[in-house]
């Protein structure tokens, strides 16, 4: 049973065939999905999906791209949504410096506020870090009580060592199947098997041989096969291990 620990089935890319696709996931050996959110609309939609499908869970939160609309009213919404039994994390949250907006200091404030809430609620966080490695780590060091995962990890091996020392997890996507994935593979080589999570980030980051196409959870088999090759394990061992890791991290029985 494969656990896709980071998907976006509320994305408009799935509008035409969302229900049919989700119903087909079990045929692709997918047993669990964590649907992550980016704002109010996607958080509410993620909750609705989790209520409709027993094997889908939800993470609620504000992506850094939505920082400009975040205020204390959003904190109250997150606090209310977090009471739902299918909500198992605050995410995805973090920093994204790829574009010039939203302004970086605003992103940092929104990130800190959601970390404060996660600490208050005792929930793990799913961190989005795009070209903001140093600032992400500086902020997270102020929240030693918060546990979490770096989704689609893109930092260095040295930074990964600090994250792992905190007891956190690292998420690996179809990127590790790409020809230019040297840095991600270096990190995977040092990552203990019990800290590895696999994820699609669908509809994005489809693995080779499907690169450039719409991604979905059934394609995680390619990620599991590549990890098995790198770690000297069988594909089935990787699937079982990462599913147990995901269940432990998100508190799913």
Protein backbone atom coordinates (compact mmCIF):
# COMPACT_ATOMS: atom_id res chain seq x y z
CA UNK A 1 0.00 0.00 0.00
CA UNK A 2 1.49 3.32 -1.15
CA UNK A 3 1.06 6.47 0.95
CA UNK A 4 1.21 9.70 -1.07
CA UNK A 5 2.13 12.11 1.71
CA UNK A 6 1.74 15.29 -0.35
CA UNK A 7 -0.91 15.76 -3.04
CA UNK A 8 -3.12 18.59 -4.27
CA UNK A 9 -6.28 16.94 -5.54
CA UNK A 10 -8.16 20.21 -5.05
CA UNK A 11 -6.07 21.77 -7.85
CA UNK A 12 -7.99 22.88 -10.94
CA UNK A 13 -5.92 20.44 -13.02
CA UNK A 14 -8.22 17.71 -11.66
CA UNK A 15 -11.53 19.52 -12.18
CA UNK A 16 -12.63 17.44 -15.18
CA UNK A 17 -12.04 13.97 -13.73
CA UNK A 18 -11.28 14.35 -10.00
CA UNK A 19 -13.71 11.78 -8.64
CA UNK A 20 -12.99 9.18 -11.32
CA UNK A 21 -9.25 9.54 -10.78
CA UNK A 22 -9.45 9.33 -6.99
CA UNK A 23 -11.63 6.25 -7.23
CA UNK A 24 -9.00 4.63 -9.47
CA UNK A 25 -6.12 5.18 -7.04
CA UNK A 26 -6.73 1.94 -5.19
CA UNK A 27 -6.16 0.06 -8.45
CA UNK A 28 -2.71 1.67 -8.50
CA UNK A 29 -1.86 0.32 -5.02
CA UNK A 30 -2.43 3.72 -3.38
CA UNK A 31 -3.91 3.22 0.08
CA UNK A 32 -3.48 6.63 1.73
CA UNK A 33 -3.26 10.24 0.55
CA UNK A 34 -2.44 13.41 2.48
CA UNK A 35 -4.05 16.30 0.61
CA UNK A 36 -2.22 19.56 1.34
CA UNK A 37 -3.67 23.06 1.18
CA UNK A 38 -2.52 26.50 0.08
CA UNK A 39 -5.25 28.91 1.27
CA UNK A 40 -8.80 29.08 2.62
CA UNK A 41 -10.49 27.68 -0.48
CA UNK A 42 -8.15 24.73 -0.85
CA UNK A 43 -8.28 23.99 2.88
CA UNK A 44 -12.07 23.78 2.81
CA UNK A 45 -11.95 21.68 -0.36
CA UNK A 46 -9.37 19.36 1.21
CA UNK A 47 -11.69 18.83 4.18
CA UNK A 48 -14.55 18.01 1.84
CA UNK A 49 -12.43 15.44 -0.02
CA UNK A 50 -11.34 13.86 3.27
CA UNK A 51 -14.98 13.48 4.28
CA UNK A 52 -15.88 11.88 0.95
CA UNK A 53 -13.00 9.40 0.76
CA UNK A 54 -11.93 7.39 3.83
CA UNK A 55 -8.32 7.02 2.62
CA UNK A 56 -7.75 10.76 2.09
CA UNK A 57 -6.59 12.99 4.96
CA UNK A 58 -6.04 16.75 5.01
CA UNK A 59 -3.40 19.30 5.94
CA UNK A 60 -4.67 22.88 6.22
CA UNK A 61 -2.61 26.03 5.90
CA UNK A 62 -1.46 29.06 3.90
CA UNK A 63 1.24 28.65 1.28
CA UNK A 64 3.70 31.58 1.23
CA UNK A 65 2.28 32.71 -2.11
CA UNK A 66 -0.93 33.55 -0.24
CA UNK A 67 0.75 35.50 2.54
CA UNK A 68 -0.82 38.82 1.54
CA UNK A 69 -4.34 37.58 2.39
CA UNK A 70 -3.36 36.04 5.73
CA UNK A 71 -4.56 37.66 8.97
CA UNK A 72 -5.77 36.66 12.42
CA UNK A 73 -9.10 35.66 10.95
CA UNK A 74 -7.23 33.03 8.98
CA UNK A 75 -5.65 31.78 12.20
CA UNK A 76 -9.11 31.26 13.65
CA UNK A 77 -10.18 29.37 10.55
CA UNK A 78 -7.15 27.10 10.83
CA UNK A 79 -7.84 26.53 14.52
CA UNK A 80 -11.41 25.55 13.70
CA UNK A 81 -10.49 23.29 10.80
CA UNK A 82 -7.80 21.60 12.88
CA UNK A 83 -10.51 20.15 15.14
CA UNK A 84 -11.70 17.98 12.25
CA UNK A 85 -10.62 14.34 12.83
CA UNK A 86 -9.20 14.01 9.31
CA UNK A 87 -6.88 17.03 9.68
CA UNK A 88 -3.42 15.78 10.64
CA UNK A 89 -1.06 18.70 9.90
CA UNK A 90 -0.65 22.40 9.22
CA UNK A 91 0.56 22.69 5.65
CA UNK A 92 1.83 23.55 3.39
CA UNK A 93 3.53 26.54 4.96
CA UNK A 94 6.95 28.13 4.64
CA UNK A 95 8.91 30.51 2.42
CA UNK A 96 9.20 30.91 -1.34
CA UNK A 97 11.82 33.33 -2.67
CA UNK A 98 11.64 32.26 -6.32
CA UNK A 99 9.55 35.33 -7.14
CA UNK A 100 9.86 38.83 -5.71
CA UNK A 101 6.39 38.76 -4.14
CA UNK A 102 4.95 38.40 -1.60
CA UNK A 103 7.46 40.50 0.32
CA UNK A 104 9.88 38.33 2.29
CA UNK A 105 9.28 39.84 5.72
CA UNK A 106 5.56 39.26 5.28
CA UNK A 107 6.18 35.63 4.33
CA UNK A 108 8.29 35.20 7.46
CA UNK A 109 5.57 36.62 9.72
CA UNK A 110 2.94 34.33 8.22
CA UNK A 111 5.26 31.33 8.55
CA UNK A 112 6.00 32.11 12.22
CA UNK A 113 2.32 32.61 13.04
CA UNK A 114 1.40 29.22 11.61
CA UNK A 115 4.27 27.58 13.48
CA UNK A 116 2.96 29.15 16.67
CA UNK A 117 -0.44 27.67 15.93
CA UNK A 118 1.02 24.24 15.19
CA UNK A 119 2.84 24.35 18.52
CA UNK A 120 -0.38 25.34 20.28
CA UNK A 121 -2.37 22.54 18.63
CA UNK A 122 0.32 19.87 18.82
CA UNK A 123 0.16 19.26 15.07
CA UNK A 124 3.09 18.59 12.73
CA UNK A 125 3.88 20.98 9.90
CA UNK A 126 4.58 20.46 6.21
CA UNK A 127 7.21 22.98 5.13
CA UNK A 128 7.55 24.51 1.67
CA UNK A 129 11.09 25.86 1.18
CA UNK A 130 11.97 27.27 -2.23
CA UNK A 131 15.28 29.12 -2.44
CA UNK A 132 14.86 30.24 1.19
CA UNK A 133 16.92 27.64 3.04
CA UNK A 134 18.75 29.87 5.51
CA UNK A 135 15.67 31.86 6.54
CA UNK A 136 13.58 28.71 6.91
CA UNK A 137 16.13 27.15 9.24
CA UNK A 138 16.56 30.36 11.26
CA UNK A 139 12.81 30.53 11.89
CA UNK A 140 12.43 26.83 12.67
CA UNK A 141 15.22 26.95 15.25
CA UNK A 142 12.95 29.21 17.30
CA UNK A 143 10.32 26.43 17.45
CA UNK A 144 12.12 23.35 18.83
CA UNK A 145 8.81 21.91 20.04
CA UNK A 146 7.35 21.72 16.53
CA UNK A 147 7.88 18.56 14.51
CA UNK A 148 7.55 18.42 10.78
CA UNK A 149 8.61 17.49 7.28
CA UNK A 150 10.40 19.36 4.53
CA UNK A 151 8.22 18.66 1.51
CA UNK A 152 10.04 18.10 -1.79
CA UNK A 153 13.35 18.73 -0.04
CA UNK A 154 15.72 20.84 -2.13
CA UNK A 155 18.40 21.90 0.35
CA UNK A 156 21.93 20.65 0.87
CA UNK A 157 23.08 17.47 2.58
CA UNK A 158 24.50 19.56 5.44
CA UNK A 159 21.17 21.27 6.02
CA UNK A 160 19.45 17.87 5.85
CA UNK A 161 21.67 16.63 8.67
CA UNK A 162 20.41 19.43 10.93
CA UNK A 163 16.80 18.75 9.98
CA UNK A 164 17.18 15.04 10.64
CA UNK A 165 18.88 15.75 13.97
CA UNK A 166 15.69 17.59 14.98
CA UNK A 167 13.74 14.39 14.38
CA UNK A 168 12.10 15.72 11.24
CA UNK A 169 11.30 13.92 7.99
CA UNK A 170 12.26 14.61 4.36
CA UNK A 171 9.86 14.28 1.43
CA UNK A 172 11.08 12.98 -1.93
CA UNK A 173 9.20 13.41 -5.21
CA UNK A 174 9.60 12.51 -8.86
CA UNK A 175 12.56 14.91 -8.91
CA UNK A 176 14.84 12.04 -7.82
CA UNK A 177 14.15 10.35 -11.17
CA UNK A 178 15.42 13.37 -13.14
CA UNK A 179 18.86 13.34 -14.77
CA UNK A 180 19.91 16.52 -12.93
CA UNK A 181 18.88 15.23 -9.48
CA UNK A 182 22.42 14.89 -8.09
CA UNK A 183 21.79 17.00 -4.96
CA UNK A 184 18.52 15.24 -4.10
CA UNK A 185 20.22 11.87 -4.47
CA UNK A 186 23.09 12.94 -2.19
CA UNK A 187 20.51 13.82 0.46
CA UNK A 188 18.64 10.57 -0.03
CA UNK A 189 21.88 8.62 0.42
CA UNK A 190 22.39 10.06 3.92
CA UNK A 191 18.73 10.05 4.97
CA UNK A 192 17.88 7.19 7.36
CA UNK A 193 15.17 4.96 5.86
CA UNK A 194 12.86 5.68 8.80
CA UNK A 195 12.81 9.41 7.91
CA UNK A 196 11.92 9.11 4.23
CA UNK A 197 8.47 10.12 2.95
CA UNK A 198 7.39 9.77 -0.68
CA UNK A 199 5.07 12.24 -2.34
CA UNK A 200 3.83 13.37 -5.72
CA UNK A 201 3.09 17.07 -5.17
CA UNK A 202 0.54 16.28 -7.89
CA UNK A 203 -0.46 17.57 -10.32
CA UNK A 204 3.20 18.68 -10.49
CA UNK A 205 6.59 16.92 -10.69
CA UNK A 206 5.64 13.77 -12.58
CA UNK A 207 8.55 11.31 -12.53
CA UNK A 208 10.45 9.93 -15.48
CA UNK A 209 9.10 8.41 -17.77
CA UNK A 210 6.05 10.69 -17.39
CA UNK A 211 7.87 13.97 -16.85
CA UNK A 212 5.87 16.96 -18.10
CA UNK A 213 2.51 15.22 -17.79
CA UNK A 214 -0.12 15.67 -15.10
CA UNK A 215 1.02 13.74 -12.06
CA UNK A 216 -1.07 11.59 -9.71
CA UNK A 217 -0.48 9.19 -6.83
CA UNK A 218 -0.31 6.08 -9.01
CA UNK A 219 3.04 7.33 -10.34
CA UNK A 220 4.73 7.04 -6.95
CA UNK A 221 5.79 3.54 -7.94
CA UNK A 222 8.55 5.16 -10.04
CA UNK A 223 9.75 7.14 -7.03
CA UNK A 224 9.75 4.02 -4.86
CA UNK A 225 11.73 2.12 -7.51
CA UNK A 226 14.39 4.85 -7.68
CA UNK A 227 14.71 5.03 -3.91
CA UNK A 228 15.04 1.24 -3.78
CA UNK A 229 17.87 1.44 -6.30
CA UNK A 230 19.70 4.15 -4.37
CA UNK A 231 19.21 2.62 -0.91
CA UNK A 232 19.84 -1.00 -1.88
CA UNK A 233 16.34 -2.14 -0.97
CA UNK A 234 13.48 -3.80 -2.79
CA UNK A 235 10.68 -1.63 -4.14
CA UNK A 236 8.20 -3.37 -1.85
CA UNK A 237 10.40 -2.65 1.16
CA UNK A 238 10.44 1.05 0.23
CA UNK A 239 6.66 1.11 -0.19
CA UNK A 240 6.05 -0.57 3.17
CA UNK A 241 8.67 1.52 4.99
CA UNK A 242 7.52 4.89 3.65
CA UNK A 243 3.87 4.07 4.32
CA UNK A 244 4.68 3.27 7.95
CA UNK A 245 6.78 6.44 8.18
CA UNK A 246 3.88 8.52 6.87
CA UNK A 247 1.37 6.92 9.21
CA UNK A 248 3.67 7.52 12.18
CA UNK A 249 4.37 11.13 11.22
CA UNK A 250 0.72 12.04 10.65
CA UNK A 251 -0.65 9.93 13.52
CA UNK A 252 -2.76 7.64 11.33
CA UNK A 253 -3.61 4.21 12.68
